[in-house]
Amino acid sequence: ISHIDPLTLAWLLYDHGRLVRYMAKQALFEVPVLKR
């Protein structure tokens, strides 16, 4: 429900021994700074 929730999910997984990998929608790759 917020833009910070993916970061808190990564923190949950990290604290439970996993490294997170995200699936991202195509629109994120169309913004030059976000693409990098």
Full PDB file with SEQRES, HELIX, SHEET, SSBOND, CRYST1, ORIGX, SCALE, CONECT and MASTER records, all heavy atoms in Angstrom:
SEQRES   1 A   36  ILE SER HIS ILE ASP PRO LEU THR LEU ALA TRP LEU LEU          
SEQRES   2 A   36  TYR ASP HIS GLY ARG LEU VAL ARG TYR MET ALA LYS GLN          
SEQRES   3 A   36  ALA LEU PHE GLU VAL PRO VAL LEU LYS ARG                      
HELIX    1 AA1 ASP A    5  ASP A   15  1                                  11    
HELIX    2 AA2 GLN A   26  GLU A   30  5                                   5    
HELIX    3 AA3 PRO A   32  LYS A   35  1                                   4    
CRYST1    1.000    1.000    1.000  90.00  90.00  90.00 P 1           1          
ORIGX1      1.000000  0.000000  0.000000        0.00000                         
ORIGX2      0.000000  1.000000  0.000000        0.00000                         
ORIGX3      0.000000  0.000000  1.000000        0.00000                         
SCALE1      1.000000  0.000000  0.000000        0.00000                         
SCALE2      0.000000  1.000000  0.000000        0.00000                         
SCALE3      0.000000  0.000000  1.000000        0.00000                         
ATOM      1  N   ILE A   1       0.812  -1.212   0.000  1.00  0.00           N  
ATOM      2  CA  ILE A   1       0.000   0.000   0.000  1.00  0.00           C  
ATOM      3  C   ILE A   1       0.849   1.267   0.000  1.00  0.00           C  
ATOM      4  O   ILE A   1       0.317   2.353  -0.084  1.00  0.00           O  
ATOM      5  CB  ILE A   1      -0.976   0.008   1.197  1.00  0.00           C  
ATOM      6  CG1 ILE A   1      -0.225  -0.126   2.507  1.00  0.00           C  
ATOM      7  CG2 ILE A   1      -1.993  -1.098   1.049  1.00  0.00           C  
ATOM      8  CD1 ILE A   1      -1.094   0.036   3.738  1.00  0.00           C  
ATOM      9  N   SER A   2       2.161   1.104   0.105  1.00  0.00           N  
ATOM     10  CA  SER A   2       3.030   2.279   0.052  1.00  0.00           C  
ATOM     11  C   SER A   2       4.255   1.952  -0.794  1.00  0.00           C  
ATOM     12  O   SER A   2       4.528   0.788  -1.099  1.00  0.00           O  
ATOM     13  CB  SER A   2       3.456   2.712   1.457  1.00  0.00           C  
ATOM     14  OG  SER A   2       4.450   1.852   1.957  1.00  0.00           O  
ATOM     15  N   HIS A   3       5.001   2.974  -1.136  1.00  0.00           N  
ATOM     16  CA  HIS A   3       6.197   2.784  -1.948  1.00  0.00           C  
ATOM     17  C   HIS A   3       7.346   2.174  -1.152  1.00  0.00           C  
ATOM     18  O   HIS A   3       8.321   1.704  -1.735  1.00  0.00           O  
ATOM     19  CB  HIS A   3       6.648   4.112  -2.557  1.00  0.00           C  
ATOM     20  CG  HIS A   3       5.662   4.667  -3.537  1.00  0.00           C  
ATOM     21  ND1 HIS A   3       5.337   4.017  -4.698  1.00  0.00           N  
ATOM     22  CD2 HIS A   3       4.909   5.792  -3.515  1.00  0.00           C  
ATOM     23  CE1 HIS A   3       4.437   4.716  -5.366  1.00  0.00           C  
ATOM     24  NE2 HIS A   3       4.160   5.803  -4.658  1.00  0.00           N  
ATOM     25  N   ILE A   4       7.244   2.166   0.153  1.00  0.00           N  
ATOM     26  CA  ILE A   4       8.313   1.617   0.991  1.00  0.00           C  
ATOM     27  C   ILE A   4       8.109   0.122   1.275  1.00  0.00           C  
ATOM     28  O   ILE A   4       9.029  -0.559   1.704  1.00  0.00           O  
ATOM     29  CB  ILE A   4       8.438   2.435   2.290  1.00  0.00           C  
ATOM     30  CG1 ILE A   4       9.833   2.313   2.854  1.00  0.00           C  
ATOM     31  CG2 ILE A   4       7.418   2.017   3.303  1.00  0.00           C  
ATOM     32  CD1 ILE A   4      10.146   3.346   3.897  1.00  0.00           C  
ATOM     33  N   ASP A   5       6.927  -0.406   0.997  1.00  0.00           N  
ATOM     34  CA  ASP A   5       6.641  -1.812   1.290  1.00  0.00           C  
ATOM     35  C   ASP A   5       7.569  -2.805   0.604  1.00  0.00           C  
ATOM     36  O   ASP A   5       7.950  -3.802   1.221  1.00  0.00           O  
ATOM     37  CB  ASP A   5       5.181  -2.135   0.970  1.00  0.00           C  
ATOM     38  CG  ASP A   5       4.216  -1.488   1.955  1.00  0.00           C  
ATOM     39  OD1 ASP A   5       4.668  -1.052   3.027  1.00  0.00           O  
ATOM     40  OD2 ASP A   5       3.014  -1.426   1.649  1.00  0.00           O  
ATOM     41  N   PRO A   6       7.988  -2.601  -0.650  1.00  0.00           N  
ATOM     42  CA  PRO A   6       8.962  -3.544  -1.232  1.00  0.00           C  
ATOM     43  C   PRO A   6      10.284  -3.582  -0.454  1.00  0.00           C  
ATOM     44  O   PRO A   6      10.922  -4.626  -0.372  1.00  0.00           O  
ATOM     45  CB  PRO A   6       9.170  -3.017  -2.649  1.00  0.00           C  
ATOM     46  CG  PRO A   6       7.910  -2.294  -2.968  1.00  0.00           C  
ATOM     47  CD  PRO A   6       7.482  -1.675  -1.669  1.00  0.00           C  
ATOM     48  N   LEU A   7      10.669  -2.462   0.134  1.00  0.00           N  
ATOM     49  CA  LEU A   7      11.893  -2.442   0.934  1.00  0.00           C  
ATOM     50  C   LEU A   7      11.712  -3.201   2.241  1.00  0.00           C  
ATOM     51  O   LEU A   7      12.618  -3.900   2.694  1.00  0.00           O  
ATOM     52  CB  LEU A   7      12.331  -1.006   1.207  1.00  0.00           C  
ATOM     53  CG  LEU A   7      12.693  -0.175  -0.021  1.00  0.00           C  
ATOM     54  CD1 LEU A   7      12.980   1.262   0.369  1.00  0.00           C  
ATOM     55  CD2 LEU A   7      13.860  -0.787  -0.759  1.00  0.00           C  
ATOM     56  N   THR A   8      10.540  -3.062   2.860  1.00  0.00           N  
ATOM     57  CA  THR A   8      10.304  -3.807   4.096  1.00  0.00           C  
ATOM     58  C   THR A   8      10.181  -5.304   3.814  1.00  0.00           C  
ATOM     59  O   THR A   8      10.582  -6.120   4.639  1.00  0.00           O  
ATOM     60  CB  THR A   8       9.064  -3.282   4.850  1.00  0.00           C  
ATOM     61  OG1 THR A   8       7.934  -3.331   4.003  1.00  0.00           O  
ATOM     62  CG2 THR A   8       9.277  -1.870   5.340  1.00  0.00           C  
ATOM     63  N   LEU A   9       9.638  -5.673   2.654  1.00  0.00           N  
ATOM     64  CA  LEU A   9       9.606  -7.090   2.270  1.00  0.00           C  
ATOM     65  C   LEU A   9      11.028  -7.619   2.123  1.00  0.00           C  
ATOM     66  O   LEU A   9      11.348  -8.712   2.593  1.00  0.00           O  
ATOM     67  CB  LEU A   9       8.829  -7.291   0.969  1.00  0.00           C  
ATOM     68  CG  LEU A   9       8.936  -8.691   0.378  1.00  0.00           C  
ATOM     69  CD1 LEU A   9       8.288  -9.722   1.283  1.00  0.00           C  
ATOM     70  CD2 LEU A   9       8.349  -8.734  -1.009  1.00  0.00           C  
ATOM     71  N   ALA A  10      11.889  -6.851   1.468  1.00  0.00           N  
ATOM     72  CA  ALA A  10      13.286  -7.271   1.312  1.00  0.00           C  
ATOM     73  C   ALA A  10      13.947  -7.446   2.669  1.00  0.00           C  
ATOM     74  O   ALA A  10      14.723  -8.382   2.882  1.00  0.00           O  
ATOM     75  CB  ALA A  10      14.045  -6.246   0.481  1.00  0.00           C  
ATOM     76  N   TRP A  11      13.635  -6.575   3.601  1.00  0.00           N  
ATOM     77  CA  TRP A  11      14.185  -6.660   4.948  1.00  0.00           C  
ATOM     78  C   TRP A  11      13.703  -7.928   5.650  1.00  0.00           C  
ATOM     79  O   TRP A  11      14.480  -8.642   6.281  1.00  0.00           O  
ATOM     80  CB  TRP A  11      13.789  -5.421   5.726  1.00  0.00           C  
ATOM     81  CG  TRP A  11      14.351  -5.276   7.099  1.00  0.00           C  
ATOM     82  CD1 TRP A  11      15.336  -6.015   7.684  1.00  0.00           C  
ATOM     83  CD2 TRP A  11      13.967  -4.318   8.063  1.00  0.00           C  
ATOM     84  NE1 TRP A  11      15.582  -5.569   8.945  1.00  0.00           N  
ATOM     85  CE2 TRP A  11      14.747  -4.522   9.205  1.00  0.00           C  
ATOM     86  CE3 TRP A  11      13.031  -3.298   8.075  1.00  0.00           C  
ATOM     87  CZ2 TRP A  11      14.616  -3.753  10.343  1.00  0.00           C  
ATOM     88  CZ3 TRP A  11      12.915  -2.529   9.215  1.00  0.00           C  
ATOM     89  CH2 TRP A  11      13.690  -2.747  10.329  1.00  0.00           C  
ATOM     90  N   LEU A  12      12.414  -8.228   5.525  1.00  0.00           N  
ATOM     91  CA  LEU A  12      11.859  -9.460   6.106  1.00  0.00           C  
ATOM     92  C   LEU A  12      12.585 -10.680   5.553  1.00  0.00           C  
ATOM     93  O   LEU A  12      13.027 -11.554   6.313  1.00  0.00           O  
ATOM     94  CB  LEU A  12      10.364  -9.569   5.795  1.00  0.00           C  
ATOM     95  CG  LEU A  12       9.733 -10.945   6.034  1.00  0.00           C  
ATOM     96  CD1 LEU A  12       9.546 -11.203   7.506  1.00  0.00           C  
ATOM     97  CD2 LEU A  12       8.425 -11.074   5.293  1.00  0.00           C  
ATOM     98  N   LEU A  13      12.731 -10.755   4.246  1.00  0.00           N  
ATOM     99  CA  LEU A  13      13.399 -11.903   3.635  1.00  0.00           C  
ATOM    100  C   LEU A  13      14.866 -11.970   4.037  1.00  0.00           C  
ATOM    101  O   LEU A  13      15.397 -13.047   4.321  1.00  0.00           O  
ATOM    102  CB  LEU A  13      13.249 -11.847   2.116  1.00  0.00           C  
ATOM    103  CG  LEU A  13      11.827 -12.009   1.595  1.00  0.00           C  
ATOM    104  CD1 LEU A  13      11.774 -11.788   0.097  1.00  0.00           C  
ATOM    105  CD2 LEU A  13      11.260 -13.361   1.953  1.00  0.00           C  
ATOM    106  N   TYR A  14      15.534 -10.831   4.080  1.00  0.00           N  
ATOM    107  CA  TYR A  14      16.943 -10.778   4.477  1.00  0.00           C  
ATOM    108  C   TYR A  14      17.129 -11.265   5.907  1.00  0.00           C  
ATOM    109  O   TYR A  14      18.042 -12.038   6.192  1.00  0.00           O  
ATOM    110  CB  TYR A  14      17.454  -9.344   4.315  1.00  0.00           C  
ATOM    111  CG  TYR A  14      18.929  -9.190   4.572  1.00  0.00           C  
ATOM    112  CD1 TYR A  14      19.848  -9.486   3.571  1.00  0.00           C  
ATOM    113  CD2 TYR A  14      19.399  -8.744   5.795  1.00  0.00           C  
ATOM    114  CE1 TYR A  14      21.207  -9.342   3.795  1.00  0.00           C  
ATOM    115  CE2 TYR A  14      20.747  -8.599   6.023  1.00  0.00           C  
ATOM    116  CZ  TYR A  14      21.657  -8.903   5.026  1.00  0.00           C  
ATOM    117  OH  TYR A  14      22.990  -8.764   5.262  1.00  0.00           O  
ATOM    118  N   ASP A  15      16.248 -10.832   6.802  1.00  0.00           N  
ATOM    119  CA  ASP A  15      16.341 -11.262   8.198  1.00  0.00           C  
ATOM    120  C   ASP A  15      15.999 -12.734   8.386  1.00  0.00           C  
ATOM    121  O   ASP A  15      16.262 -13.300   9.442  1.00  0.00           O  
ATOM    122  CB  ASP A  15      15.435 -10.412   9.089  1.00  0.00           C  
ATOM    123  CG  ASP A  15      16.092  -9.114   9.529  1.00  0.00           C  
ATOM    124  OD1 ASP A  15      17.269  -8.900   9.194  1.00  0.00           O  
ATOM    125  OD2 ASP A  15      15.427  -8.319  10.211  1.00  0.00           O  
ATOM    126  N   HIS A  16      15.416 -13.342   7.365  1.00  0.00           N  
ATOM    127  CA  HIS A  16      15.095 -14.764   7.434  1.00  0.00           C  
ATOM    128  C   HIS A  16      15.962 -15.580   6.479  1.00  0.00           C  
ATOM    129  O   HIS A  16      15.586 -16.665   6.035  1.00  0.00           O  
ATOM    130  CB  HIS A  16      13.609 -14.981   7.169  1.00  0.00           C  
ATOM    131  CG  HIS A  16      12.761 -14.526   8.310  1.00  0.00           C  
ATOM    132  ND1 HIS A  16      12.344 -13.218   8.430  1.00  0.00           N  
ATOM    133  CD2 HIS A  16      12.296 -15.158   9.400  1.00  0.00           C  
ATOM    134  CE1 HIS A  16      11.649 -13.082   9.543  1.00  0.00           C  
ATOM    135  NE2 HIS A  16      11.608 -14.242  10.151  1.00  0.00           N  
ATOM    136  N   GLY A  17      17.140 -15.033   6.149  1.00  0.00           N  
ATOM    137  CA  GLY A  17      18.156 -15.790   5.441  1.00  0.00           C  
ATOM    138  C   GLY A  17      18.050 -15.832   3.937  1.00  0.00           C  
ATOM    139  O   GLY A  17      18.679 -16.676   3.301  1.00  0.00           O  
ATOM    140  N   ARG A  18      17.268 -14.949   3.318  1.00  0.00           N  
ATOM    141  CA  ARG A  18      17.105 -14.965   1.863  1.00  0.00           C  
ATOM    142  C   ARG A  18      17.496 -13.619   1.271  1.00  0.00           C  
ATOM    143  O   ARG A  18      17.322 -12.579   1.898  1.00  0.00           O  
ATOM    144  CB  ARG A  18      15.639 -15.247   1.492  1.00  0.00           C  
ATOM    145  CG  ARG A  18      15.064 -16.559   1.984  1.00  0.00           C  
ATOM    146  CD  ARG A  18      15.789 -17.761   1.435  1.00  0.00           C  
ATOM    147  NE  ARG A  18      15.714 -17.880   0.009  1.00  0.00           N  
ATOM    148  CZ  ARG A  18      15.033 -18.810  -0.644  1.00  0.00           C  
ATOM    149  NH1 ARG A  18      14.340 -19.708   0.013  1.00  0.00           N  
ATOM    150  NH2 ARG A  18      15.049 -18.848  -1.951  1.00  0.00           N  
ATOM    151  N   LEU A  19      18.003 -13.641   0.045  1.00  0.00           N  
ATOM    152  CA  LEU A  19      18.236 -12.427  -0.719  1.00  0.00           C  
ATOM    153  C   LEU A  19      17.083 -12.268  -1.696  1.00  0.00           C  
ATOM    154  O   LEU A  19      16.675 -13.230  -2.340  1.00  0.00           O  
ATOM    155  CB  LEU A  19      19.561 -12.497  -1.478  1.00  0.00           C  
ATOM    156  CG  LEU A  19      20.823 -12.541  -0.620  1.00  0.00           C  
ATOM    157  CD1 LEU A  19      22.061 -12.660  -1.491  1.00  0.00           C  
ATOM    158  CD2 LEU A  19      20.924 -11.320   0.271  1.00  0.00           C  
ATOM    159  N   VAL A  20      16.559 -11.079  -1.802  1.00  0.00           N  
ATOM    160  CA  VAL A  20      15.373 -10.843  -2.618  1.00  0.00           C  
ATOM    161  C   VAL A  20      15.764 -10.530  -4.060  1.00  0.00           C  
ATOM    162  O   VAL A  20      16.792  -9.923  -4.330  1.00  0.00           O  
ATOM    163  CB  VAL A  20      14.518  -9.702  -2.011  1.00  0.00           C  
ATOM    164  CG1 VAL A  20      15.212  -8.373  -2.126  1.00  0.00           C  
ATOM    165  CG2 VAL A  20      13.158  -9.648  -2.644  1.00  0.00           C  
ATOM    166  N   ARG A  21      14.925 -10.988  -4.979  1.00  0.00           N  
ATOM    167  CA  ARG A  21      15.012 -10.624  -6.395  1.00  0.00           C  
ATOM    168  C   ARG A  21      13.616 -10.150  -6.773  1.00  0.00           C  
ATOM    169  O   ARG A  21      12.632 -10.825  -6.484  1.00  0.00           O  
ATOM    170  CB  ARG A  21      15.374 -11.820  -7.293  1.00  0.00           C  
ATOM    171  CG  ARG A  21      16.606 -12.598  -6.898  1.00  0.00           C  
ATOM    172  CD  ARG A  21      17.864 -11.786  -7.087  1.00  0.00           C  
ATOM    173  NE  ARG A  21      19.101 -12.541  -7.048  1.00  0.00           N  
ATOM    174  CZ  ARG A  21      19.665 -13.049  -5.982  1.00  0.00           C  
ATOM    175  NH1 ARG A  21      19.068 -12.985  -4.832  1.00  0.00           N  
ATOM    176  NH2 ARG A  21      20.836 -13.634  -6.047  1.00  0.00           N  
ATOM    177  N   TYR A  22      13.525  -9.005  -7.422  1.00  0.00           N  
ATOM    178  CA  TYR A  22      12.221  -8.449  -7.770  1.00  0.00           C  
ATOM    179  C   TYR A  22      11.900  -8.672  -9.238  1.00  0.00           C  
ATOM    180  O   TYR A  22      12.788  -8.664 -10.087  1.00  0.00           O  
ATOM    181  CB  TYR A  22      12.187  -6.930  -7.522  1.00  0.00           C  
ATOM    182  CG  TYR A  22      12.182  -6.551  -6.073  1.00  0.00           C  
ATOM    183  CD1 TYR A  22      13.293  -5.966  -5.490  1.00  0.00           C  
ATOM    184  CD2 TYR A  22      11.062  -6.762  -5.289  1.00  0.00           C  
ATOM    185  CE1 TYR A  22      13.286  -5.597  -4.159  1.00  0.00           C  
ATOM    186  CE2 TYR A  22      11.046  -6.397  -3.960  1.00  0.00           C  
ATOM    187  CZ  TYR A  22      12.169  -5.822  -3.409  1.00  0.00           C  
ATOM    188  OH  TYR A  22      12.156  -5.462  -2.098  1.00  0.00           O  
ATOM    189  N   MET A  23      10.627  -8.834  -9.514  1.00  0.00           N  
ATOM    190  CA  MET A  23      10.125  -8.752 -10.876  1.00  0.00           C  
ATOM    191  C   MET A  23       9.618  -7.323 -11.025  1.00  0.00           C  
ATOM    192  O   MET A  23       8.919  -6.815 -10.157  1.00  0.00           O  
ATOM    193  CB  MET A  23       8.986  -9.748 -11.088  1.00  0.00           C  
ATOM    194  CG  MET A  23       9.441 -11.179 -11.066  1.00  0.00           C  
ATOM    195  SD  MET A  23       8.099 -12.360 -11.215  1.00  0.00           S  
ATOM    196  CE  MET A  23       7.371 -11.908 -12.749  1.00  0.00           C  
ATOM    197  N   ALA A  24       9.998  -6.672 -12.107  1.00  0.00           N  
ATOM    198  CA  ALA A  24       9.622  -5.272 -12.295  1.00  0.00           C  
ATOM    199  C   ALA A  24       8.843  -5.106 -13.592  1.00  0.00           C  
ATOM    200  O   ALA A  24       9.100  -5.799 -14.575  1.00  0.00           O  
ATOM    201  CB  ALA A  24      10.873  -4.396 -12.332  1.00  0.00           C  
ATOM    202  N   LYS A  25       7.915  -4.184 -13.575  1.00  0.00           N  
ATOM    203  CA  LYS A  25       7.146  -3.940 -14.789  1.00  0.00           C  
ATOM    204  C   LYS A  25       7.963  -3.117 -15.783  1.00  0.00           C  
ATOM    205  O   LYS A  25       8.896  -2.391 -15.416  1.00  0.00           O  
ATOM    206  CB  LYS A  25       5.818  -3.276 -14.463  1.00  0.00           C  
ATOM    207  CG  LYS A  25       5.909  -1.908 -13.838  1.00  0.00           C  
ATOM    208  CD  LYS A  25       4.523  -1.411 -13.510  1.00  0.00           C  
ATOM    209  CE  LYS A  25       4.562   0.009 -12.991  1.00  0.00           C  
ATOM    210  NZ  LYS A  25       3.223   0.513 -12.759  1.00  0.00           N  
ATOM    211  N   GLN A  26       7.609  -3.225 -17.036  1.00  0.00           N  
ATOM    212  CA  GLN A  26       8.349  -2.614 -18.132  1.00  0.00           C  
ATOM    213  C   GLN A  26       8.488  -1.096 -17.973  1.00  0.00           C  
ATOM    214  O   GLN A  26       9.500  -0.519 -18.342  1.00  0.00           O  
ATOM    215  CB  GLN A  26       7.670  -2.938 -19.470  1.00  0.00           C  
ATOM    216  CG  GLN A  26       8.367  -2.369 -20.686  1.00  0.00           C  
ATOM    217  CD  GLN A  26       9.779  -2.901 -20.872  1.00  0.00           C  
ATOM    218  OE1 GLN A  26      10.059  -4.051 -20.570  1.00  0.00           O  
ATOM    219  NE2 GLN A  26      10.667  -2.053 -21.363  1.00  0.00           N  
ATOM    220  N   ALA A  27       7.481  -0.444 -17.413  1.00  0.00           N  
ATOM    221  CA  ALA A  27       7.509   1.017 -17.296  1.00  0.00           C  
ATOM    222  C   ALA A  27       8.721   1.512 -16.492  1.00  0.00           C  
ATOM    223  O   ALA A  27       9.226   2.607 -16.744  1.00  0.00           O  
ATOM    224  CB  ALA A  27       6.216   1.509 -16.656  1.00  0.00           C  
ATOM    225  N   LEU A  28       9.210   0.727 -15.542  1.00  0.00           N  
ATOM    226  CA  LEU A  28      10.377   1.140 -14.759  1.00  0.00           C  
ATOM    227  C   LEU A  28      11.637   1.199 -15.609  1.00  0.00           C  
ATOM    228  O   LEU A  28      12.558   1.952 -15.317  1.00  0.00           O  
ATOM    229  CB  LEU A  28      10.589   0.190 -13.583  1.00  0.00           C  
ATOM    230  CG  LEU A  28       9.504   0.206 -12.511  1.00  0.00           C  
ATOM    231  CD1 LEU A  28       9.787  -0.842 -11.455  1.00  0.00           C  
ATOM    232  CD2 LEU A  28       9.383   1.574 -11.870  1.00  0.00           C  
ATOM    233  N   PHE A  29      11.700   0.395 -16.667  1.00  0.00           N  
ATOM    234  CA  PHE A  29      12.876   0.370 -17.526  1.00  0.00           C  
ATOM    235  C   PHE A  29      12.853   1.472 -18.578  1.00  0.00           C  
ATOM    236  O   PHE A  29      13.802   1.635 -19.330  1.00  0.00           O  
ATOM    237  CB  PHE A  29      13.004  -0.995 -18.208  1.00  0.00           C  
ATOM    238  CG  PHE A  29      13.336  -2.106 -17.242  1.00  0.00           C  
ATOM    239  CD1 PHE A  29      12.332  -2.886 -16.701  1.00  0.00           C  
ATOM    240  CD2 PHE A  29      14.646  -2.349 -16.871  1.00  0.00           C  
ATOM    241  CE1 PHE A  29      12.637  -3.904 -15.809  1.00  0.00           C  
ATOM    242  CE2 PHE A  29      14.953  -3.353 -15.977  1.00  0.00           C  
ATOM    243  CZ  PHE A  29      13.944  -4.133 -15.449  1.00  0.00           C  
ATOM    244  N   GLU A  30      11.773   2.220 -18.651  1.00  0.00           N  
ATOM    245  CA  GLU A  30      11.659   3.291 -19.638  1.00  0.00           C  
ATOM    246  C   GLU A  30      12.129   4.644 -19.106  1.00  0.00           C  
ATOM    247  O   GLU A  30      12.318   5.575 -19.864  1.00  0.00           O  
ATOM    248  CB  GLU A  30      10.213   3.372 -20.134  1.00  0.00           C  
ATOM    249  CG  GLU A  30       9.815   2.119 -20.905  1.00  0.00           C  
ATOM    250  CD  GLU A  30       8.337   2.038 -21.200  1.00  0.00           C  
ATOM    251  OE1 GLU A  30       7.587   2.950 -20.795  1.00  0.00           O  
ATOM    252  OE2 GLU A  30       7.935   1.048 -21.826  1.00  0.00           O  
ATOM    253  N   VAL A  31      12.319   4.760 -17.801  1.00  0.00           N  
ATOM    254  CA  VAL A  31      12.835   5.980 -17.179  1.00  0.00           C  
ATOM    255  C   VAL A  31      14.348   5.802 -17.030  1.00  0.00           C  
ATOM    256  O   VAL A  31      14.788   4.874 -16.346  1.00  0.00           O  
ATOM    257  CB  VAL A  31      12.178   6.215 -15.800  1.00  0.00           C  
ATOM    258  CG1 VAL A  31      12.724   7.460 -15.151  1.00  0.00           C  
ATOM    259  CG2 VAL A  31      10.671   6.274 -15.937  1.00  0.00           C  
ATOM    260  N   PRO A  32      15.160   6.652 -17.687  1.00  0.00           N  
ATOM    261  CA  PRO A  32      16.613   6.422 -17.732  1.00  0.00           C  
ATOM    262  C   PRO A  32      17.283   6.212 -16.370  1.00  0.00           C  
ATOM    263  O   PRO A  32      18.081   5.299 -16.214  1.00  0.00           O  
ATOM    264  CB  PRO A  32      17.148   7.679 -18.419  1.00  0.00           C  
ATOM    265  CG  PRO A  32      16.010   8.179 -19.243  1.00  0.00           C  
ATOM    266  CD  PRO A  32      14.769   7.836 -18.466  1.00  0.00           C  
ATOM    267  N   VAL A  33      16.986   7.031 -15.379  1.00  0.00           N  
ATOM    268  CA  VAL A  33      17.630   6.898 -14.069  1.00  0.00           C  
ATOM    269  C   VAL A  33      17.176   5.612 -13.387  1.00  0.00           C  
ATOM    270  O   VAL A  33      17.997   4.850 -12.860  1.00  0.00           O  
ATOM    271  CB  VAL A  33      17.334   8.129 -13.181  1.00  0.00           C  
ATOM    272  CG1 VAL A  33      17.898   7.941 -11.795  1.00  0.00           C  
ATOM    273  CG2 VAL A  33      17.896   9.387 -13.819  1.00  0.00           C  
ATOM    274  N   LEU A  34      15.880   5.345 -13.394  1.00  0.00           N  
ATOM    275  CA  LEU A  34      15.371   4.122 -12.787  1.00  0.00           C  
ATOM    276  C   LEU A  34      15.883   2.881 -13.499  1.00  0.00           C  
ATOM    277  O   LEU A  34      16.117   1.855 -12.868  1.00  0.00           O  
ATOM    278  CB  LEU A  34      13.834   4.118 -12.779  1.00  0.00           C  
ATOM    279  CG  LEU A  34      13.160   4.978 -11.734  1.00  0.00           C  
ATOM    280  CD1 LEU A  34      11.650   4.925 -11.900  1.00  0.00           C  
ATOM    281  CD2 LEU A  34      13.549   4.540 -10.344  1.00  0.00           C  
ATOM    282  N   LYS A  35      16.056   2.965 -14.791  1.00  0.00           N  
ATOM    283  CA  LYS A  35      16.546   1.827 -15.569  1.00  0.00           C  
ATOM    284  C   LYS A  35      17.898   1.363 -15.043  1.00  0.00           C  
ATOM    285  O   LYS A  35      18.129   0.166 -14.863  1.00  0.00           O  
ATOM    286  CB  LYS A  35      16.657   2.214 -17.041  1.00  0.00           C  
ATOM    287  CG  LYS A  35      17.146   1.114 -17.941  1.00  0.00           C  
ATOM    288  CD  LYS A  35      17.197   1.594 -19.370  1.00  0.00           C  
ATOM    289  CE  LYS A  35      17.689   0.520 -20.302  1.00  0.00           C  
ATOM    290  NZ  LYS A  35      17.714   0.964 -21.689  1.00  0.00           N  
ATOM    291  N   ARG A  36      18.777   2.300 -14.758  1.00  0.00           N  
ATOM    292  CA  ARG A  36      20.106   1.941 -14.237  1.00  0.00           C  
ATOM    293  C   ARG A  36      20.025   1.330 -12.846  1.00  0.00           C  
ATOM    294  O   ARG A  36      20.747   0.399 -12.528  1.00  0.00           O  
ATOM    295  CB  ARG A  36      21.010   3.168 -14.219  1.00  0.00           C  
ATOM    296  CG  ARG A  36      21.309   3.702 -15.606  1.00  0.00           C  
ATOM    297  CD  ARG A  36      22.314   4.806 -15.517  1.00  0.00           C  
ATOM    298  NE  ARG A  36      23.599   4.230 -15.146  1.00  0.00           N  
ATOM    299  CZ  ARG A  36      24.666   4.248 -15.926  1.00  0.00           C  
ATOM    300  NH1 ARG A  36      24.606   4.840 -17.089  1.00  0.00           N  
ATOM    301  NH2 ARG A  36      25.792   3.725 -15.518  1.00  0.00           N  
TER     302      ARG A  36                                                      
MASTER        0    0    0    3    0    0    0    6  301    1    0    3          
END                                                                             
